Amino acid sequence: MTKLIRLRLMFAIFCLFVSHNSQAQTKEFYLTLENHVFTPSELKIPANKKVKLIIFNKDKVAEEFDSFDLNREKVLFPKRKITIFIGPLKPGNYEYFGEYHPNSARGVIIVEVNHVN
């Protein structure tokens, strides 16, 4: 094996390790949409950390997850899960809503410095 091939192989393994390690440290948080209501309506996450938000739409119709505060917009297909990565965020409240049912499908993500999960 030539030196160049060994270096490329070592670099590829290093990149794979770094990628896997950073994904393993990303905490997961969950929301459920059922009867056009997000549960929990208040979700607490840590400040200054990238997190993985998994949303499960249990309804038989589509909804759209919208958040001007988070700058996110994603279709929630019926009986399906989606993943949205958010952050790192500063402490505060970040509202979200369902575009098709904005009066009932509402919630807030509360970003805390001393979040314990």
PDB file of N, CA and C in Angstrom:
ATOM      1  N   MET A   1       0.851  -1.171   0.000  1.00  0.00           N
ATOM      2  CA  MET A   1       0.000   0.000   0.000  1.00  0.00           C
ATOM      3  C   MET A   1       0.896   1.233   0.000  1.00  0.00           C
ATOM      4  N   THR A   2       0.624   2.125  -0.895  1.00  0.00           N
ATOM      5  CA  THR A   2       1.461   3.322  -0.978  1.00  0.00           C
ATOM      6  C   THR A   2       1.143   4.267   0.172  1.00  0.00           C
ATOM      7  N   LYS A   3       2.067   5.164   0.405  1.00  0.00           N
ATOM      8  CA  LYS A   3       1.908   6.130   1.485  1.00  0.00           C
ATOM      9  C   LYS A   3       0.678   7.010   1.258  1.00  0.00           C
ATOM     10  N   LEU A   4       0.410   7.406   0.020  1.00  0.00           N
ATOM     11  CA  LEU A   4      -0.743   8.251  -0.296  1.00  0.00           C
ATOM     12  C   LEU A   4      -2.054   7.522  -0.008  1.00  0.00           C
ATOM     13  N   ILE A   5      -2.117   6.256  -0.370  1.00  0.00           N
ATOM     14  CA  ILE A   5      -3.327   5.469  -0.113  1.00  0.00           C
ATOM     15  C   ILE A   5      -3.538   5.315   1.388  1.00  0.00           C
ATOM     16  N   ARG A   6      -2.467   5.057   2.137  1.00  0.00           N
ATOM     17  CA  ARG A   6      -2.583   4.940   3.594  1.00  0.00           C
ATOM     18  C   ARG A   6      -3.061   6.243   4.219  1.00  0.00           C
ATOM     19  N   LEU A   7      -2.534   7.362   3.747  1.00  0.00           N
ATOM     20  CA  LEU A   7      -2.964   8.663   4.271  1.00  0.00           C
ATOM     21  C   LEU A   7      -4.437   8.911   3.980  1.00  0.00           C
ATOM     22  N   ARG A   8      -4.869   8.585   2.777  1.00  0.00           N
ATOM     23  CA  ARG A   8      -6.285   8.772   2.425  1.00  0.00           C
ATOM     24  C   ARG A   8      -7.183   7.872   3.273  1.00  0.00           C
ATOM     25  N   LEU A   9      -6.762   6.649   3.480  1.00  0.00           N
ATOM     26  CA  LEU A   9      -7.530   5.719   4.291  1.00  0.00           C
ATOM     27  C   LEU A   9      -7.611   6.213   5.738  1.00  0.00           C
ATOM     28  N   MET A  10      -6.500   6.668   6.279  1.00  0.00           N
ATOM     29  CA  MET A  10      -6.488   7.191   7.647  1.00  0.00           C
ATOM     30  C   MET A  10      -7.385   8.425   7.755  1.00  0.00           C
ATOM     31  N   PHE A  11      -7.348   9.288   6.741  1.00  0.00           N
ATOM     32  CA  PHE A  11      -8.191  10.488   6.746  1.00  0.00           C
ATOM     33  C   PHE A  11      -9.669  10.104   6.689  1.00  0.00           C
ATOM     34  N   ALA A  12     -10.014   9.127   5.862  1.00  0.00           N
ATOM     35  CA  ALA A  12     -11.403   8.670   5.742  1.00  0.00           C
ATOM     36  C   ALA A  12     -11.898   8.096   7.069  1.00  0.00           C
ATOM     37  N   ILE A  13     -11.070   7.307   7.727  1.00  0.00           N
ATOM     38  CA  ILE A  13     -11.446   6.732   9.024  1.00  0.00           C
ATOM     39  C   ILE A  13     -11.615   7.828  10.058  1.00  0.00           C
ATOM     40  N   PHE A  14     -10.718   8.806  10.049  1.00  0.00           N
ATOM     41  CA  PHE A  14     -10.810   9.937  10.973  1.00  0.00           C
ATOM     42  C   PHE A  14     -12.116  10.705  10.759  1.00  0.00           C
ATOM     43  N   CYS A  15     -12.455  10.982   9.499  1.00  0.00           N
ATOM     44  CA  CYS A  15     -13.685  11.719   9.187  1.00  0.00           C
ATOM     45  C   CYS A  15     -14.917  10.931   9.631  1.00  0.00           C
ATOM     46  N   LEU A  16     -14.905   9.637   9.431  1.00  0.00           N
ATOM     47  CA  LEU A  16     -16.011   8.797   9.847  1.00  0.00           C
ATOM     48  C   LEU A  16     -16.162   8.821  11.359  1.00  0.00           C
ATOM     49  N   PHE A  17     -15.049   8.746  12.079  1.00  0.00           N
ATOM     50  CA  PHE A  17     -15.075   8.783  13.539  1.00  0.00           C
ATOM     51  C   PHE A  17     -15.607  10.120  14.043  1.00  0.00           C
ATOM     52  N   VAL A  18     -15.122  11.216  13.488  1.00  0.00           N
ATOM     53  CA  VAL A  18     -15.556  12.547  13.917  1.00  0.00           C
ATOM     54  C   VAL A  18     -17.037  12.733  13.625  1.00  0.00           C
ATOM     55  N   SER A  19     -17.483  12.310  12.454  1.00  0.00           N
ATOM     56  CA  SER A  19     -18.897  12.433  12.086  1.00  0.00           C
ATOM     57  C   SER A  19     -19.765  11.612  13.022  1.00  0.00           C
ATOM     58  N   HIS A  20     -19.403  10.380  13.276  1.00  0.00           N
ATOM     59  CA  HIS A  20     -20.189   9.516  14.160  1.00  0.00           C
ATOM     60  C   HIS A  20     -20.188  10.067  15.584  1.00  0.00           C
ATOM     61  N   ASN A  21     -19.052  10.520  16.050  1.00  0.00           N
ATOM     62  CA  ASN A  21     -18.936  11.037  17.405  1.00  0.00           C
ATOM     63  C   ASN A  21     -19.796  12.282  17.594  1.00  0.00           C
ATOM     64  N   SER A  22     -19.806  13.195  16.622  1.00  0.00           N
ATOM     65  CA  SER A  22     -20.601  14.411  16.774  1.00  0.00           C
ATOM     66  C   SER A  22     -22.092  14.108  16.692  1.00  0.00           C
ATOM     67  N   GLN A  23     -22.498  13.117  15.883  1.00  0.00           N
ATOM     68  CA  GLN A  23     -23.897  12.751  15.805  1.00  0.00           C
ATOM     69  C   GLN A  23     -24.335  12.066  17.097  1.00  0.00           C
ATOM     70  N   ALA A  24     -23.464  11.281  17.690  1.00  0.00           N
ATOM     71  CA  ALA A  24     -23.813  10.581  18.920  1.00  0.00           C
ATOM     72  C   ALA A  24     -24.044  11.555  20.064  1.00  0.00           C
ATOM     73  N   GLN A  25     -23.408  12.711  20.027  1.00  0.00           N
ATOM     74  CA  GLN A  25     -23.547  13.689  21.094  1.00  0.00           C
ATOM     75  C   GLN A  25     -24.741  14.614  20.901  1.00  0.00           C
ATOM     76  N   THR A  26     -25.387  14.581  19.743  1.00  0.00           N
ATOM     77  CA  THR A  26     -26.544  15.417  19.489  1.00  0.00           C
ATOM     78  C   THR A  26     -27.748  14.829  20.216  1.00  0.00           C
ATOM     79  N   LYS A  27     -28.264  15.583  21.176  1.00  0.00           N
ATOM     80  CA  LYS A  27     -29.402  15.098  21.954  1.00  0.00           C
ATOM     81  C   LYS A  27     -30.672  15.156  21.111  1.00  0.00           C
ATOM     82  N   GLU A  28     -31.547  14.185  21.348  1.00  0.00           N
ATOM     83  CA  GLU A  28     -32.812  14.102  20.634  1.00  0.00           C
ATOM     84  C   GLU A  28     -33.946  14.560  21.541  1.00  0.00           C
ATOM     85  N   PHE A  29     -34.868  15.311  20.940  1.00  0.00           N
ATOM     86  CA  PHE A  29     -36.068  15.773  21.627  1.00  0.00           C
ATOM     87  C   PHE A  29     -37.261  15.446  20.738  1.00  0.00           C
ATOM     88  N   TYR A  30     -38.407  15.195  21.360  1.00  0.00           N
ATOM     89  CA  TYR A  30     -39.547  14.681  20.621  1.00  0.00           C
ATOM     90  C   TYR A  30     -40.793  15.539  20.793  1.00  0.00           C
ATOM     91  N   LEU A  31     -41.501  15.718  19.692  1.00  0.00           N
ATOM     92  CA  LEU A  31     -42.829  16.324  19.682  1.00  0.00           C
ATOM     93  C   LEU A  31     -43.768  15.357  18.979  1.00  0.00           C
ATOM     94  N   THR A  32     -45.019  15.373  19.400  1.00  0.00           N
ATOM     95  CA  THR A  32     -46.043  14.568  18.748  1.00  0.00           C
ATOM     96  C   THR A  32     -47.174  15.503  18.332  1.00  0.00           C
ATOM     97  N   LEU A  33     -47.695  15.287  17.149  1.00  0.00           N
ATOM     98  CA  LEU A  33     -48.880  16.008  16.697  1.00  0.00           C
ATOM     99  C   LEU A  33     -50.026  15.008  16.648  1.00  0.00           C
ATOM    100  N   GLU A  34     -51.077  15.292  17.422  1.00  0.00           N
ATOM    101  CA  GLU A  34     -52.242  14.411  17.438  1.00  0.00           C
ATOM    102  C   GLU A  34     -53.482  15.258  17.664  1.00  0.00           C
ATOM    103  N   ASN A  35     -54.498  15.040  16.841  1.00  0.00           N
ATOM    104  CA  ASN A  35     -55.717  15.856  16.885  1.00  0.00           C
ATOM    105  C   ASN A  35     -55.390  17.336  16.725  1.00  0.00           C
ATOM    106  N   HIS A  36     -54.417  17.621  15.893  1.00  0.00           N
ATOM    107  CA  HIS A  36     -53.989  18.989  15.556  1.00  0.00           C
ATOM    108  C   HIS A  36     -53.448  19.743  16.767  1.00  0.00           C
ATOM    109  N   VAL A  37     -52.832  18.998  17.702  1.00  0.00           N
ATOM    110  CA  VAL A  37     -52.229  19.599  18.897  1.00  0.00           C
ATOM    111  C   VAL A  37     -50.827  19.030  19.062  1.00  0.00           C
ATOM    112  N   PHE A  38     -49.847  19.913  19.281  1.00  0.00           N
ATOM    113  CA  PHE A  38     -48.482  19.470  19.557  1.00  0.00           C
ATOM    114  C   PHE A  38     -48.338  19.143  21.037  1.00  0.00           C
ATOM    115  N   THR A  39     -47.678  18.020  21.314  1.00  0.00           N
ATOM    116  CA  THR A  39     -47.408  17.599  22.685  1.00  0.00           C
ATOM    117  C   THR A  39     -45.933  17.244  22.799  1.00  0.00           C
ATOM    118  N   PRO A  40     -45.227  17.747  23.783  1.00  0.00           N
ATOM    119  CA  PRO A  40     -45.659  18.757  24.736  1.00  0.00           C
ATOM    120  C   PRO A  40     -45.766  20.122  24.056  1.00  0.00           C
ATOM    121  N   SER A  41     -46.578  20.975  24.620  1.00  0.00           N
ATOM    122  CA  SER A  41     -46.727  22.317  24.048  1.00  0.00           C
ATOM    123  C   SER A  41     -45.538  23.208  24.423  1.00  0.00           C
ATOM    124  N   GLU A  42     -44.838  22.823  25.489  1.00  0.00           N
ATOM    125  CA  GLU A  42     -43.599  23.503  25.888  1.00  0.00           C
ATOM    126  C   GLU A  42     -42.486  22.464  25.943  1.00  0.00           C
ATOM    127  N   LEU A  43     -41.487  22.664  25.135  1.00  0.00           N
ATOM    128  CA  LEU A  43     -40.356  21.732  25.074  1.00  0.00           C
ATOM    129  C   LEU A  43     -39.094  22.474  25.486  1.00  0.00           C
ATOM    130  N   LYS A  44     -38.414  21.970  26.511  1.00  0.00           N
ATOM    131  CA  LYS A  44     -37.198  22.619  27.005  1.00  0.00           C
ATOM    132  C   LYS A  44     -35.971  21.918  26.425  1.00  0.00           C
ATOM    133  N   ILE A  45     -35.049  22.742  25.898  1.00  0.00           N
ATOM    134  CA  ILE A  45     -33.803  22.223  25.337  1.00  0.00           C
ATOM    135  C   ILE A  45     -32.640  23.056  25.855  1.00  0.00           C
ATOM    136  N   PRO A  46     -31.408  22.527  25.764  1.00  0.00           N
ATOM    137  CA  PRO A  46     -30.244  23.271  26.273  1.00  0.00           C
ATOM    138  C   PRO A  46     -29.823  24.397  25.331  1.00  0.00           C
ATOM    139  N   ALA A  47     -29.340  25.465  25.926  1.00  0.00           N
ATOM    140  CA  ALA A  47     -28.800  26.589  25.157  1.00  0.00           C
ATOM    141  C   ALA A  47     -27.440  26.221  24.577  1.00  0.00           C
ATOM    142  N   ASN A  48     -27.118  26.848  23.467  1.00  0.00           N
ATOM    143  CA  ASN A  48     -25.805  26.752  22.838  1.00  0.00           C
ATOM    144  C   ASN A  48     -25.422  25.331  22.425  1.00  0.00           C
ATOM    145  N   LYS A  49     -26.414  24.503  22.133  1.00  0.00           N
ATOM    146  CA  LYS A  49     -26.177  23.127  21.677  1.00  0.00           C
ATOM    147  C   LYS A  49     -27.044  22.868  20.453  1.00  0.00           C
ATOM    148  N   LYS A  50     -26.510  22.135  19.502  1.00  0.00           N
ATOM    149  CA  LYS A  50     -27.304  21.678  18.374  1.00  0.00           C
ATOM    150  C   LYS A  50     -28.102  20.476  18.848  1.00  0.00           C
ATOM    151  N   VAL A  51     -29.412  20.455  18.546  1.00  0.00           N
ATOM    152  CA  VAL A  51     -30.259  19.345  18.963  1.00  0.00           C
ATOM    153  C   VAL A  51     -31.034  18.800  17.766  1.00  0.00           C
ATOM    154  N   LYS A  52     -31.475  17.583  17.945  1.00  0.00           N
ATOM    155  CA  LYS A  52     -32.256  16.888  16.924  1.00  0.00           C
ATOM    156  C   LYS A  52     -33.698  16.840  17.410  1.00  0.00           C
ATOM    157  N   LEU A  53     -34.592  17.472  16.658  1.00  0.00           N
ATOM    158  CA  LEU A  53     -36.000  17.498  16.995  1.00  0.00           C
ATOM    159  C   LEU A  53     -36.727  16.504  16.094  1.00  0.00           C
ATOM    160  N   ILE A  54     -37.367  15.508  16.707  1.00  0.00           N
ATOM    161  CA  ILE A  54     -38.098  14.483  15.965  1.00  0.00           C
ATOM    162  C   ILE A  54     -39.584  14.706  16.225  1.00  0.00           C
ATOM    163  N   ILE A  55     -40.331  14.890  15.150  1.00  0.00           N
ATOM    164  CA  ILE A  55     -41.758  15.174  15.260  1.00  0.00           C
ATOM    165  C   ILE A  55     -42.540  14.036  14.596  1.00  0.00           C
ATOM    166  N   PHE A  56     -43.487  13.468  15.322  1.00  0.00           N
ATOM    167  CA  PHE A  56     -44.319  12.385  14.804  1.00  0.00           C
ATOM    168  C   PHE A  56     -45.734  12.906  14.618  1.00  0.00           C
ATOM    169  N   ASN A  57     -46.220  12.879  13.388  1.00  0.00           N
ATOM    170  CA  ASN A  57     -47.582  13.290  13.080  1.00  0.00           C
ATOM    171  C   ASN A  57     -48.479  12.061  13.153  1.00  0.00           C
ATOM    172  N   LYS A  58     -49.258  11.940  14.215  1.00  0.00           N
ATOM    173  CA  LYS A  58     -50.171  10.809  14.387  1.00  0.00           C
ATOM    174  C   LYS A  58     -51.510  11.019  13.675  1.00  0.00           C
ATOM    175  N   ASP A  59     -51.722  12.223  13.172  1.00  0.00           N
ATOM    176  CA  ASP A  59     -52.983  12.518  12.497  1.00  0.00           C
ATOM    177  C   ASP A  59     -53.055  11.862  11.124  1.00  0.00           C
ATOM    178  N   LYS A  60     -54.273  11.819  10.592  1.00  0.00           N
ATOM    179  CA  LYS A  60     -54.507  11.225   9.277  1.00  0.00           C
ATOM    180  C   LYS A  60     -54.364  12.237   8.145  1.00  0.00           C
ATOM    181  N   VAL A  61     -54.039  13.476   8.499  1.00  0.00           N
ATOM    182  CA  VAL A  61     -53.855  14.536   7.504  1.00  0.00           C
ATOM    183  C   VAL A  61     -52.505  15.207   7.720  1.00  0.00           C
ATOM    184  N   ALA A  62     -52.031  15.839   6.677  1.00  0.00           N
ATOM    185  CA  ALA A  62     -50.744  16.535   6.751  1.00  0.00           C
ATOM    186  C   ALA A  62     -50.876  17.822   7.554  1.00  0.00           C
ATOM    187  N   GLU A  63     -49.767  18.253   8.069  1.00  0.00           N
ATOM    188  CA  GLU A  63     -49.643  19.541   8.749  1.00  0.00           C
ATOM    189  C   GLU A  63     -48.304  20.124   8.326  1.00  0.00           C
ATOM    190  N   GLU A  64     -48.111  21.390   8.592  1.00  0.00           N
ATOM    191  CA  GLU A  64     -46.822  22.006   8.295  1.00  0.00           C
ATOM    192  C   GLU A  64     -46.285  22.642   9.564  1.00  0.00           C
ATOM    193  N   PHE A  65     -45.114  22.182   9.976  1.00  0.00           N
ATOM    194  CA  PHE A  65     -44.428  22.759  11.135  1.00  0.00           C
ATOM    195  C   PHE A  65     -43.807  24.070  10.667  1.00  0.00           C
ATOM    196  N   ASP A  66     -44.199  25.171  11.284  1.00  0.00           N
ATOM    197  CA  ASP A  66     -43.681  26.489  10.929  1.00  0.00           C
ATOM    198  C   ASP A  66     -43.156  27.186  12.175  1.00  0.00           C
ATOM    199  N   SER A  67     -42.031  27.863  12.017  1.00  0.00           N
ATOM    200  CA  SER A  67     -41.508  28.687  13.098  1.00  0.00           C
ATOM    201  C   SER A  67     -40.704  29.830  12.500  1.00  0.00           C
ATOM    202  N   PHE A  68     -41.238  31.028  12.669  1.00  0.00           N
ATOM    203  CA  PHE A  68     -40.492  32.211  12.235  1.00  0.00           C
ATOM    204  C   PHE A  68     -39.269  32.398  13.135  1.00  0.00           C
ATOM    205  N   ASP A  69     -39.441  32.092  14.432  1.00  0.00           N
ATOM    206  CA  ASP A  69     -38.347  32.255  15.395  1.00  0.00           C
ATOM    207  C   ASP A  69     -37.168  31.332  15.085  1.00  0.00           C
ATOM    208  N   LEU A  70     -37.478  30.106  14.635  1.00  0.00           N
ATOM    209  CA  LEU A  70     -36.433  29.123  14.329  1.00  0.00           C
ATOM    210  C   LEU A  70     -36.034  29.129  12.860  1.00  0.00           C
ATOM    211  N   ASN A  71     -36.765  29.893  12.061  1.00  0.00           N
ATOM    212  CA  ASN A  71     -36.534  29.932  10.617  1.00  0.00           C
ATOM    213  C   ASN A  71     -36.652  28.523  10.017  1.00  0.00           C
ATOM    214  N   ARG A  72     -37.763  27.836  10.360  1.00  0.00           N
ATOM    215  CA  ARG A  72     -37.987  26.477   9.888  1.00  0.00           C
ATOM    216  C   ARG A  72     -39.407  26.342   9.349  1.00  0.00           C
ATOM    217  N   GLU A  73     -39.515  25.517   8.317  1.00  0.00           N
ATOM    218  CA  GLU A  73     -40.808  25.203   7.716  1.00  0.00           C
ATOM    219  C   GLU A  73     -40.681  23.805   7.124  1.00  0.00           C
ATOM    220  N   LYS A  74     -41.516  22.875   7.606  1.00  0.00           N
ATOM    221  CA  LYS A  74     -41.367  21.492   7.159  1.00  0.00           C
ATOM    222  C   LYS A  74     -42.734  20.807   7.166  1.00  0.00           C
ATOM    223  N   VAL A  75     -43.037  20.103   6.087  1.00  0.00           N
ATOM    224  CA  VAL A  75     -44.293  19.373   5.992  1.00  0.00           C
ATOM    225  C   VAL A  75     -44.229  18.128   6.871  1.00  0.00           C
ATOM    226  N   LEU A  76     -45.310  17.912   7.621  1.00  0.00           N
ATOM    227  CA  LEU A  76     -45.463  16.719   8.449  1.00  0.00           C
ATOM    228  C   LEU A  76     -46.497  15.826   7.767  1.00  0.00           C
ATOM    229  N   PHE A  77     -46.034  14.814   7.091  1.00  0.00           N
ATOM    230  CA  PHE A  77     -46.948  13.909   6.407  1.00  0.00           C
ATOM    231  C   PHE A  77     -47.679  13.037   7.423  1.00  0.00           C
ATOM    232  N   PRO A  78     -48.922  12.608   7.100  1.00  0.00           N
ATOM    233  CA  PRO A  78     -49.689  11.792   8.038  1.00  0.00           C
ATOM    234  C   PRO A  78     -48.968  10.502   8.411  1.00  0.00           C
ATOM    235  N   LYS A  79     -49.044  10.169   9.701  1.00  0.00           N
ATOM    236  CA  LYS A  79     -48.485   8.920  10.225  1.00  0.00           C
ATOM    237  C   LYS A  79     -46.986   8.766   9.956  1.00  0.00           C
ATOM    238  N   ARG A  80     -46.280   9.881   9.886  1.00  0.00           N
ATOM    239  CA  ARG A  80     -44.839   9.857   9.597  1.00  0.00           C
ATOM    240  C   ARG A  80     -44.080  10.701  10.612  1.00  0.00           C
ATOM    241  N   LYS A  81     -42.771  10.424  10.700  1.00  0.00           N
ATOM    242  CA  LYS A  81     -41.862  11.204  11.538  1.00  0.00           C
ATOM    243  C   LYS A  81     -40.969  12.041  10.639  1.00  0.00           C
ATOM    244  N   ILE A  82     -40.589  13.203  11.150  1.00  0.00           N
ATOM    245  CA  ILE A  82     -39.589  14.030  10.476  1.00  0.00           C
ATOM    246  C   ILE A  82     -38.526  14.401  11.498  1.00  0.00           C
ATOM    247  N   THR A  83     -37.380  14.792  10.991  1.00  0.00           N
ATOM    248  CA  THR A  83     -36.277  15.245  11.836  1.00  0.00           C
ATOM    249  C   THR A  83     -35.875  16.647  11.414  1.00  0.00           C
ATOM    250  N   ILE A  84     -35.717  17.507  12.403  1.00  0.00           N
ATOM    251  CA  ILE A  84     -35.252  18.872  12.176  1.00  0.00           C
ATOM    252  C   ILE A  84     -34.109  19.125  13.149  1.00  0.00           C
ATOM    253  N   PHE A  85     -32.978  19.584  12.635  1.00  0.00           N
ATOM    254  CA  PHE A  85     -31.876  19.974  13.500  1.00  0.00           C
ATOM    255  C   PHE A  85     -32.006  21.468  13.772  1.00  0.00           C
ATOM    256  N   ILE A  86     -31.920  21.835  15.050  1.00  0.00           N
ATOM    257  CA  ILE A  86     -31.989  23.247  15.424  1.00  0.00           C
ATOM    258  C   ILE A  86     -30.838  23.578  16.362  1.00  0.00           C
ATOM    259  N   GLY A  87     -30.491  24.832  16.361  1.00  0.00           N
ATOM    260  CA  GLY A  87     -29.433  25.292  17.249  1.00  0.00           C
ATOM    261  C   GLY A  87     -28.079  25.294  16.589  1.00  0.00           C
ATOM    262  N   PRO A  88     -27.118  25.713  17.382  1.00  0.00           N
ATOM    263  CA  PRO A  88     -27.200  26.164  18.774  1.00  0.00           C
ATOM    264  C   PRO A  88     -27.996  27.473  18.884  1.00  0.00           C
ATOM    265  N   LEU A  89     -28.785  27.550  19.936  1.00  0.00           N
ATOM    266  CA  LEU A  89     -29.656  28.703  20.162  1.00  0.00           C
ATOM    267  C   LEU A  89     -29.308  29.406  21.463  1.00  0.00           C
ATOM    268  N   LYS A  90     -29.557  30.692  21.489  1.00  0.00           N
ATOM    269  CA  LYS A  90     -29.403  31.475  22.712  1.00  0.00           C
ATOM    270  C   LYS A  90     -30.611  31.217  23.607  1.00  0.00           C
ATOM    271  N   PRO A  91     -30.461  31.413  24.920  1.00  0.00           N
ATOM    272  CA  PRO A  91     -31.604  31.230  25.818  1.00  0.00           C
ATOM    273  C   PRO A  91     -32.781  32.114  25.402  1.00  0.00           C
ATOM    274  N   GLY A  92     -33.977  31.561  25.548  1.00  0.00           N
ATOM    275  CA  GLY A  92     -35.184  32.305  25.201  1.00  0.00           C
ATOM    276  C   GLY A  92     -36.293  31.374  24.764  1.00  0.00           C
ATOM    277  N   ASN A  93     -37.377  31.974  24.303  1.00  0.00           N
ATOM    278  CA  ASN A  93     -38.539  31.230  23.838  1.00  0.00           C
ATOM    279  C   ASN A  93     -38.641  31.340  22.323  1.00  0.00           C
ATOM    280  N   TYR A  94     -38.880  30.200  21.678  1.00  0.00           N
ATOM    281  CA  TYR A  94     -38.976  30.107  20.227  1.00  0.00           C
ATOM    282  C   TYR A  94     -40.311  29.440  19.887  1.00  0.00           C
ATOM    283  N   GLU A  95     -41.238  30.231  19.359  1.00  0.00           N
ATOM    284  CA  GLU A  95     -42.577  29.723  19.080  1.00  0.00           C
ATOM    285  C   GLU A  95     -42.623  28.960  17.761  1.00  0.00           C
ATOM    286  N   TYR A  96     -43.558  28.002  17.694  1.00  0.00           N
ATOM    287  CA  TYR A  96     -43.827  27.260  16.463  1.00  0.00           C
ATOM    288  C   TYR A  96     -45.325  27.006  16.382  1.00  0.00           C
ATOM    289  N   PHE A  97     -45.788  26.661  15.172  1.00  0.00           N
ATOM    290  CA  PHE A  97     -47.215  26.413  14.980  1.00  0.00           C
ATOM    291  C   PHE A  97     -47.425  25.538  13.753  1.00  0.00           C
ATOM    292  N   GLY A  98     -48.624  24.993  13.651  1.00  0.00           N
ATOM    293  CA  GLY A  98     -49.025  24.248  12.469  1.00  0.00           C
ATOM    294  C   GLY A  98     -49.717  25.206  11.515  1.00  0.00           C
ATOM    295  N   GLU A  99     -49.234  25.292  10.306  1.00  0.00           N
ATOM    296  CA  GLU A  99     -49.789  26.264   9.360  1.00  0.00           C
ATOM    297  C   GLU A  99     -51.255  25.993   9.042  1.00  0.00           C
ATOM    298  N   TYR A 100     -51.656  24.723   8.999  1.00  0.00           N
ATOM    299  CA  TYR A 100     -53.027  24.380   8.617  1.00  0.00           C
ATOM    300  C   TYR A 100     -54.003  24.468   9.784  1.00  0.00           C
ATOM    301  N   HIS A 101     -53.497  24.409  11.008  1.00  0.00           N
ATOM    302  CA  HIS A 101     -54.325  24.507  12.218  1.00  0.00           C
ATOM    303  C   HIS A 101     -53.629  25.415  13.241  1.00  0.00           C
ATOM    304  N   PRO A 102     -53.421  26.676  12.894  1.00  0.00           N
ATOM    305  CA  PRO A 102     -52.621  27.557  13.754  1.00  0.00           C
ATOM    306  C   PRO A 102     -53.241  27.869  15.110  1.00  0.00           C
ATOM    307  N   ASN A 103     -54.550  27.681  15.259  1.00  0.00           N
ATOM    308  CA  ASN A 103     -55.176  27.971  16.555  1.00  0.00           C
ATOM    309  C   ASN A 103     -54.962  26.855  17.566  1.00  0.00           C
ATOM    310  N   SER A 104     -54.833  25.605  17.088  1.00  0.00           N
ATOM    311  CA  SER A 104     -54.673  24.489  18.024  1.00  0.00           C
ATOM    312  C   SER A 104     -53.262  23.903  18.017  1.00  0.00           C
ATOM    313  N   ALA A 105     -52.630  23.899  16.864  1.00  0.00           N
ATOM    314  CA  ALA A 105     -51.279  23.312  16.755  1.00  0.00           C
ATOM    315  C   ALA A 105     -50.250  24.403  17.032  1.00  0.00           C
ATOM    316  N   ARG A 106     -49.980  24.625  18.311  1.00  0.00           N
ATOM    317  CA  ARG A 106     -49.060  25.691  18.718  1.00  0.00           C
ATOM    318  C   ARG A 106     -48.150  25.173  19.826  1.00  0.00           C
ATOM    319  N   GLY A 107     -47.002  25.793  19.930  1.00  0.00           N
ATOM    320  CA  GLY A 107     -46.114  25.432  21.021  1.00  0.00           C
ATOM    321  C   GLY A 107     -44.936  26.380  21.091  1.00  0.00           C
ATOM    322  N   VAL A 108     -44.085  26.104  22.061  1.00  0.00           N
ATOM    323  CA  VAL A 108     -42.896  26.933  22.260  1.00  0.00           C
ATOM    324  C   VAL A 108     -41.737  26.036  22.681  1.00  0.00           C
ATOM    325  N   ILE A 109     -40.586  26.330  22.138  1.00  0.00           N
ATOM    326  CA  ILE A 109     -39.352  25.667  22.569  1.00  0.00           C
ATOM    327  C   ILE A 109     -38.657  26.647  23.497  1.00  0.00           C
ATOM    328  N   ILE A 110     -38.418  26.190  24.710  1.00  0.00           N
ATOM    329  CA  ILE A 110     -37.787  27.029  25.722  1.00  0.00           C
ATOM    330  C   ILE A 110     -36.329  26.604  25.824  1.00  0.00           C
ATOM    331  N   VAL A 111     -35.451  27.524  25.512  1.00  0.00           N
ATOM    332  CA  VAL A 111     -34.014  27.244  25.508  1.00  0.00           C
ATOM    333  C   VAL A 111     -33.438  27.775  26.816  1.00  0.00           C
ATOM    334  N   GLU A 112     -32.835  26.845  27.586  1.00  0.00           N
ATOM    335  CA  GLU A 112     -32.333  27.173  28.914  1.00  0.00           C
ATOM    336  C   GLU A 112     -30.836  26.929  29.022  1.00  0.00           C
ATOM    337  N   VAL A 113     -30.174  27.770  29.797  1.00  0.00           N
ATOM    338  CA  VAL A 113     -28.738  27.607  30.029  1.00  0.00           C
ATOM    339  C   VAL A 113     -28.476  26.382  30.886  1.00  0.00           C
ATOM    340  N   ASN A 114     -29.220  26.202  31.942  1.00  0.00           N
ATOM    341  CA  ASN A 114     -28.988  25.104  32.886  1.00  0.00           C
ATOM    342  C   ASN A 114     -29.966  23.958  32.661  1.00  0.00           C
ATOM    343  N   HIS A 115     -30.225  23.636  31.409  1.00  0.00           N
ATOM    344  CA  HIS A 115     -31.164  22.564  31.084  1.00  0.00           C
ATOM    345  C   HIS A 115     -30.606  21.223  31.523  1.00  0.00           C
ATOM    346  N   VAL A 116     -31.448  20.420  32.184  1.00  0.00           N
ATOM    347  CA  VAL A 116     -31.076  19.074  32.593  1.00  0.00           C
ATOM    348  C   VAL A 116     -32.035  18.116  31.919  1.00  0.00           C
ATOM    349  N   ASN A 117     -31.472  17.105  31.227  1.00  0.00           N
ATOM    350  CA  ASN A 117     -32.329  16.118  30.554  1.00  0.00           C
ATOM    351  C   ASN A 117     -31.885  14.731  30.878  1.00  0.00           C
TER     352      ASN A 117
END
